[in-house]
Amino acid sequence: MNKYLRRGIISTIVGLGLCMLGLYLMADDLSFYKWILVIGVIFFGFGFLTMLYSLIRKIERRSLLDERKKHPKDSDE
């Protein structure tokens, strides 16, 4: 598990937790639930994008390694 995937999972879990907390506070009619919901959505979005970035990096790395196997560098150069 690379650092981007780890950060993404942690941010997504924190975002979901904050959103759940915000919904709980909304049911209790507390006024600051809106800020907690906004922060939760931001964390969730950041985590999702970070996990997506991790997947793209993994695919790109594999394609680069496959390309290098197909076309090895000439030893004369």
N, C-alpha and C. Protein backbone atom coordinates (compact mmCIF):
# COMPACT_ATOMS: atom_id res chain seq x y z
N MET A 1 0.86 -1.17 0.00
CA MET A 1 0.00 0.00 0.00
C MET A 1 0.91 1.23 0.00
N ASN A 2 0.74 2.08 -1.01
CA ASN A 2 1.59 3.26 -1.07
C ASN A 2 1.00 4.40 -0.25
N LYS A 3 1.77 5.48 -0.14
CA LYS A 3 1.37 6.57 0.74
C LYS A 3 0.10 7.27 0.25
N TYR A 4 -0.12 7.33 -1.05
CA TYR A 4 -1.30 8.01 -1.57
C TYR A 4 -2.57 7.22 -1.25
N LEU A 5 -2.49 5.92 -1.39
CA LEU A 5 -3.65 5.09 -1.07
C LEU A 5 -3.96 5.15 0.42
N ARG A 6 -2.92 5.11 1.23
CA ARG A 6 -3.10 5.19 2.70
C ARG A 6 -3.74 6.53 3.09
N ARG A 7 -3.22 7.63 2.53
CA ARG A 7 -3.80 8.95 2.83
C ARG A 7 -5.24 9.04 2.35
N GLY A 8 -5.51 8.46 1.19
CA GLY A 8 -6.86 8.50 0.65
C GLY A 8 -7.86 7.76 1.51
N ILE A 9 -7.47 6.59 1.97
CA ILE A 9 -8.36 5.80 2.82
C ILE A 9 -8.61 6.51 4.14
N ILE A 10 -7.56 7.05 4.74
CA ILE A 10 -7.71 7.75 6.02
C ILE A 10 -8.58 8.99 5.86
N SER A 11 -8.35 9.77 4.81
CA SER A 11 -9.15 10.98 4.59
C SER A 11 -10.61 10.65 4.31
N THR A 12 -10.84 9.58 3.58
CA THR A 12 -12.22 9.19 3.28
C THR A 12 -12.94 8.76 4.56
N ILE A 13 -12.26 8.00 5.40
CA ILE A 13 -12.88 7.55 6.65
C ILE A 13 -13.15 8.73 7.58
N VAL A 14 -12.20 9.67 7.67
CA VAL A 14 -12.40 10.86 8.50
C VAL A 14 -13.56 11.69 7.95
N GLY A 15 -13.62 11.83 6.63
CA GLY A 15 -14.71 12.59 6.01
C GLY A 15 -16.07 11.97 6.28
N LEU A 16 -16.15 10.66 6.16
CA LEU A 16 -17.42 9.98 6.45
C LEU A 16 -17.81 10.15 7.92
N GLY A 17 -16.82 10.05 8.80
CA GLY A 17 -17.09 10.24 10.22
C GLY A 17 -17.59 11.64 10.54
N LEU A 18 -16.95 12.64 9.92
CA LEU A 18 -17.39 14.02 10.15
C LEU A 18 -18.78 14.27 9.59
N CYS A 19 -19.08 13.67 8.44
CA CYS A 19 -20.43 13.82 7.88
C CYS A 19 -21.47 13.18 8.77
N MET A 20 -21.15 12.02 9.31
CA MET A 20 -22.09 11.36 10.23
C MET A 20 -22.28 12.20 11.50
N LEU A 21 -21.18 12.77 12.00
CA LEU A 21 -21.28 13.64 13.17
C LEU A 21 -22.12 14.87 12.87
N GLY A 22 -21.92 15.44 11.68
CA GLY A 22 -22.72 16.61 11.28
C GLY A 22 -24.20 16.30 11.19
N LEU A 23 -24.52 15.14 10.66
CA LEU A 23 -25.93 14.75 10.58
C LEU A 23 -26.53 14.52 11.97
N TYR A 24 -25.72 13.95 12.86
CA TYR A 24 -26.19 13.75 14.24
C TYR A 24 -26.44 15.10 14.92
N LEU A 25 -25.51 16.05 14.71
CA LEU A 25 -25.68 17.36 15.32
C LEU A 25 -26.85 18.12 14.70
N MET A 26 -27.12 17.87 13.43
CA MET A 26 -28.25 18.53 12.77
C MET A 26 -29.56 18.06 13.40
N ALA A 27 -29.63 16.80 13.78
CA ALA A 27 -30.84 16.28 14.42
C ALA A 27 -31.04 16.90 15.80
N ASP A 28 -29.94 17.29 16.44
CA ASP A 28 -30.04 17.92 17.77
C ASP A 28 -30.23 19.43 17.68
N ASP A 29 -30.34 19.97 16.47
CA ASP A 29 -30.55 21.40 16.22
C ASP A 29 -29.42 22.27 16.77
N LEU A 30 -28.19 21.82 16.62
CA LEU A 30 -27.05 22.64 16.97
C LEU A 30 -26.63 23.44 15.74
N SER A 31 -26.19 24.66 15.95
CA SER A 31 -25.99 25.58 14.82
C SER A 31 -24.70 25.33 14.04
N PHE A 32 -23.71 24.69 14.61
CA PHE A 32 -22.43 24.55 13.93
C PHE A 32 -22.30 23.26 13.13
N TYR A 33 -23.41 22.55 12.92
CA TYR A 33 -23.36 21.31 12.14
C TYR A 33 -22.99 21.55 10.69
N LYS A 34 -23.32 22.75 10.17
CA LYS A 34 -23.03 23.05 8.76
C LYS A 34 -21.54 23.04 8.49
N TRP A 35 -20.77 23.62 9.39
CA TRP A 35 -19.31 23.67 9.20
C TRP A 35 -18.70 22.27 9.27
N ILE A 36 -19.22 21.45 10.14
CA ILE A 36 -18.71 20.08 10.25
C ILE A 36 -19.05 19.29 9.00
N LEU A 37 -20.24 19.49 8.44
CA LEU A 37 -20.61 18.82 7.20
C LEU A 37 -19.73 19.27 6.04
N VAL A 38 -19.44 20.56 5.96
CA VAL A 38 -18.59 21.08 4.89
C VAL A 38 -17.19 20.49 4.99
N ILE A 39 -16.63 20.46 6.18
CA ILE A 39 -15.29 19.90 6.38
C ILE A 39 -15.30 18.40 6.07
N GLY A 40 -16.36 17.71 6.44
CA GLY A 40 -16.47 16.28 6.14
C GLY A 40 -16.51 16.01 4.65
N VAL A 41 -17.25 16.82 3.91
CA VAL A 41 -17.33 16.64 2.46
C VAL A 41 -15.98 16.94 1.81
N ILE A 42 -15.28 17.93 2.30
CA ILE A 42 -13.95 18.26 1.77
C ILE A 42 -12.98 17.11 2.02
N PHE A 43 -12.97 16.57 3.22
CA PHE A 43 -12.10 15.44 3.53
C PHE A 43 -12.45 14.22 2.68
N PHE A 44 -13.74 13.95 2.52
CA PHE A 44 -14.16 12.82 1.73
C PHE A 44 -13.72 12.99 0.27
N GLY A 45 -13.92 14.18 -0.27
CA GLY A 45 -13.52 14.45 -1.66
C GLY A 45 -12.03 14.33 -1.85
N PHE A 46 -11.25 14.87 -0.91
CA PHE A 46 -9.79 14.77 -0.99
C PHE A 46 -9.36 13.30 -0.93
N GLY A 47 -9.97 12.53 -0.06
CA GLY A 47 -9.62 11.11 0.05
C GLY A 47 -9.96 10.33 -1.20
N PHE A 48 -11.12 10.61 -1.77
CA PHE A 48 -11.52 9.92 -2.99
C PHE A 48 -10.57 10.26 -4.14
N LEU A 49 -10.25 11.54 -4.29
CA LEU A 49 -9.34 11.94 -5.36
C LEU A 49 -7.93 11.37 -5.16
N THR A 50 -7.49 11.29 -3.92
CA THR A 50 -6.18 10.72 -3.64
C THR A 50 -6.14 9.24 -3.96
N MET A 51 -7.20 8.51 -3.65
CA MET A 51 -7.25 7.08 -4.01
C MET A 51 -7.28 6.91 -5.53
N LEU A 52 -8.00 7.77 -6.22
CA LEU A 52 -8.03 7.71 -7.68
C LEU A 52 -6.65 8.01 -8.26
N TYR A 53 -5.96 9.00 -7.70
CA TYR A 53 -4.61 9.33 -8.14
C TYR A 53 -3.66 8.15 -7.92
N SER A 54 -3.81 7.45 -6.82
CA SER A 54 -2.98 6.28 -6.54
C SER A 54 -3.19 5.20 -7.60
N LEU A 55 -4.44 4.99 -7.99
CA LEU A 55 -4.75 4.00 -9.02
C LEU A 55 -4.14 4.40 -10.37
N ILE A 56 -4.24 5.67 -10.71
CA ILE A 56 -3.67 6.15 -11.98
C ILE A 56 -2.15 5.99 -11.98
N ARG A 57 -1.51 6.30 -10.86
CA ARG A 57 -0.05 6.14 -10.77
C ARG A 57 0.35 4.68 -10.95
N LYS A 58 -0.41 3.78 -10.37
CA LYS A 58 -0.11 2.36 -10.47
C LYS A 58 -0.22 1.87 -11.91
N ILE A 59 -1.26 2.29 -12.60
CA ILE A 59 -1.45 1.91 -14.00
C ILE A 59 -0.35 2.49 -14.86
N GLU A 60 0.01 3.75 -14.64
CA GLU A 60 1.06 4.40 -15.42
C GLU A 60 2.41 3.72 -15.19
N ARG A 61 2.69 3.34 -13.98
CA ARG A 61 3.96 2.67 -13.69
C ARG A 61 4.06 1.33 -14.40
N ARG A 62 2.96 0.58 -14.38
CA ARG A 62 2.95 -0.71 -15.07
C ARG A 62 3.14 -0.54 -16.57
N SER A 63 2.51 0.47 -17.15
CA SER A 63 2.66 0.67 -18.60
C SER A 63 4.08 1.09 -18.95
N LEU A 64 4.72 1.89 -18.10
CA LEU A 64 6.12 2.26 -18.34
C LEU A 64 7.04 1.05 -18.26
N LEU A 65 6.80 0.19 -17.28
CA LEU A 65 7.64 -1.01 -17.15
C LEU A 65 7.43 -1.95 -18.34
N ASP A 66 6.20 -2.08 -18.80
CA ASP A 66 5.93 -2.92 -19.98
C ASP A 66 6.59 -2.35 -21.23
N GLU A 67 6.57 -1.04 -21.37
CA GLU A 67 7.20 -0.39 -22.52
C GLU A 67 8.71 -0.60 -22.50
N ARG A 68 9.31 -0.55 -21.34
CA ARG A 68 10.75 -0.76 -21.24
C ARG A 68 11.13 -2.21 -21.57
N LYS A 69 10.24 -3.15 -21.23
CA LYS A 69 10.51 -4.55 -21.56
C LYS A 69 10.43 -4.79 -23.07
N LYS A 70 9.53 -4.10 -23.73
CA LYS A 70 9.36 -4.28 -25.17
C LYS A 70 10.52 -3.68 -25.97
N HIS A 71 11.00 -2.53 -25.53
CA HIS A 71 12.05 -1.81 -26.25
C HIS A 71 13.26 -1.58 -25.36
N PRO A 72 14.10 -2.60 -25.19
CA PRO A 72 15.28 -2.40 -24.34
C PRO A 72 16.25 -1.42 -25.00
N LYS A 73 16.97 -0.71 -24.19
CA LYS A 73 17.91 0.28 -24.68
C LYS A 73 19.09 -0.42 -25.36
N ASP A 74 19.53 0.11 -26.49
CA ASP A 74 20.67 -0.47 -27.21
C ASP A 74 21.95 -0.28 -26.38
N SER A 75 22.80 -1.30 -26.38
CA SER A 75 24.04 -1.22 -25.61
C SER A 75 25.10 -0.40 -26.32
N ASP A 76 24.94 -0.10 -27.63
CA ASP A 76 25.94 0.67 -28.39
C ASP A 76 25.88 2.15 -28.06
N GLU A 77 24.78 2.62 -27.55
CA GLU A 77 24.64 4.06 -27.31
C GLU A 77 25.21 4.47 -25.99
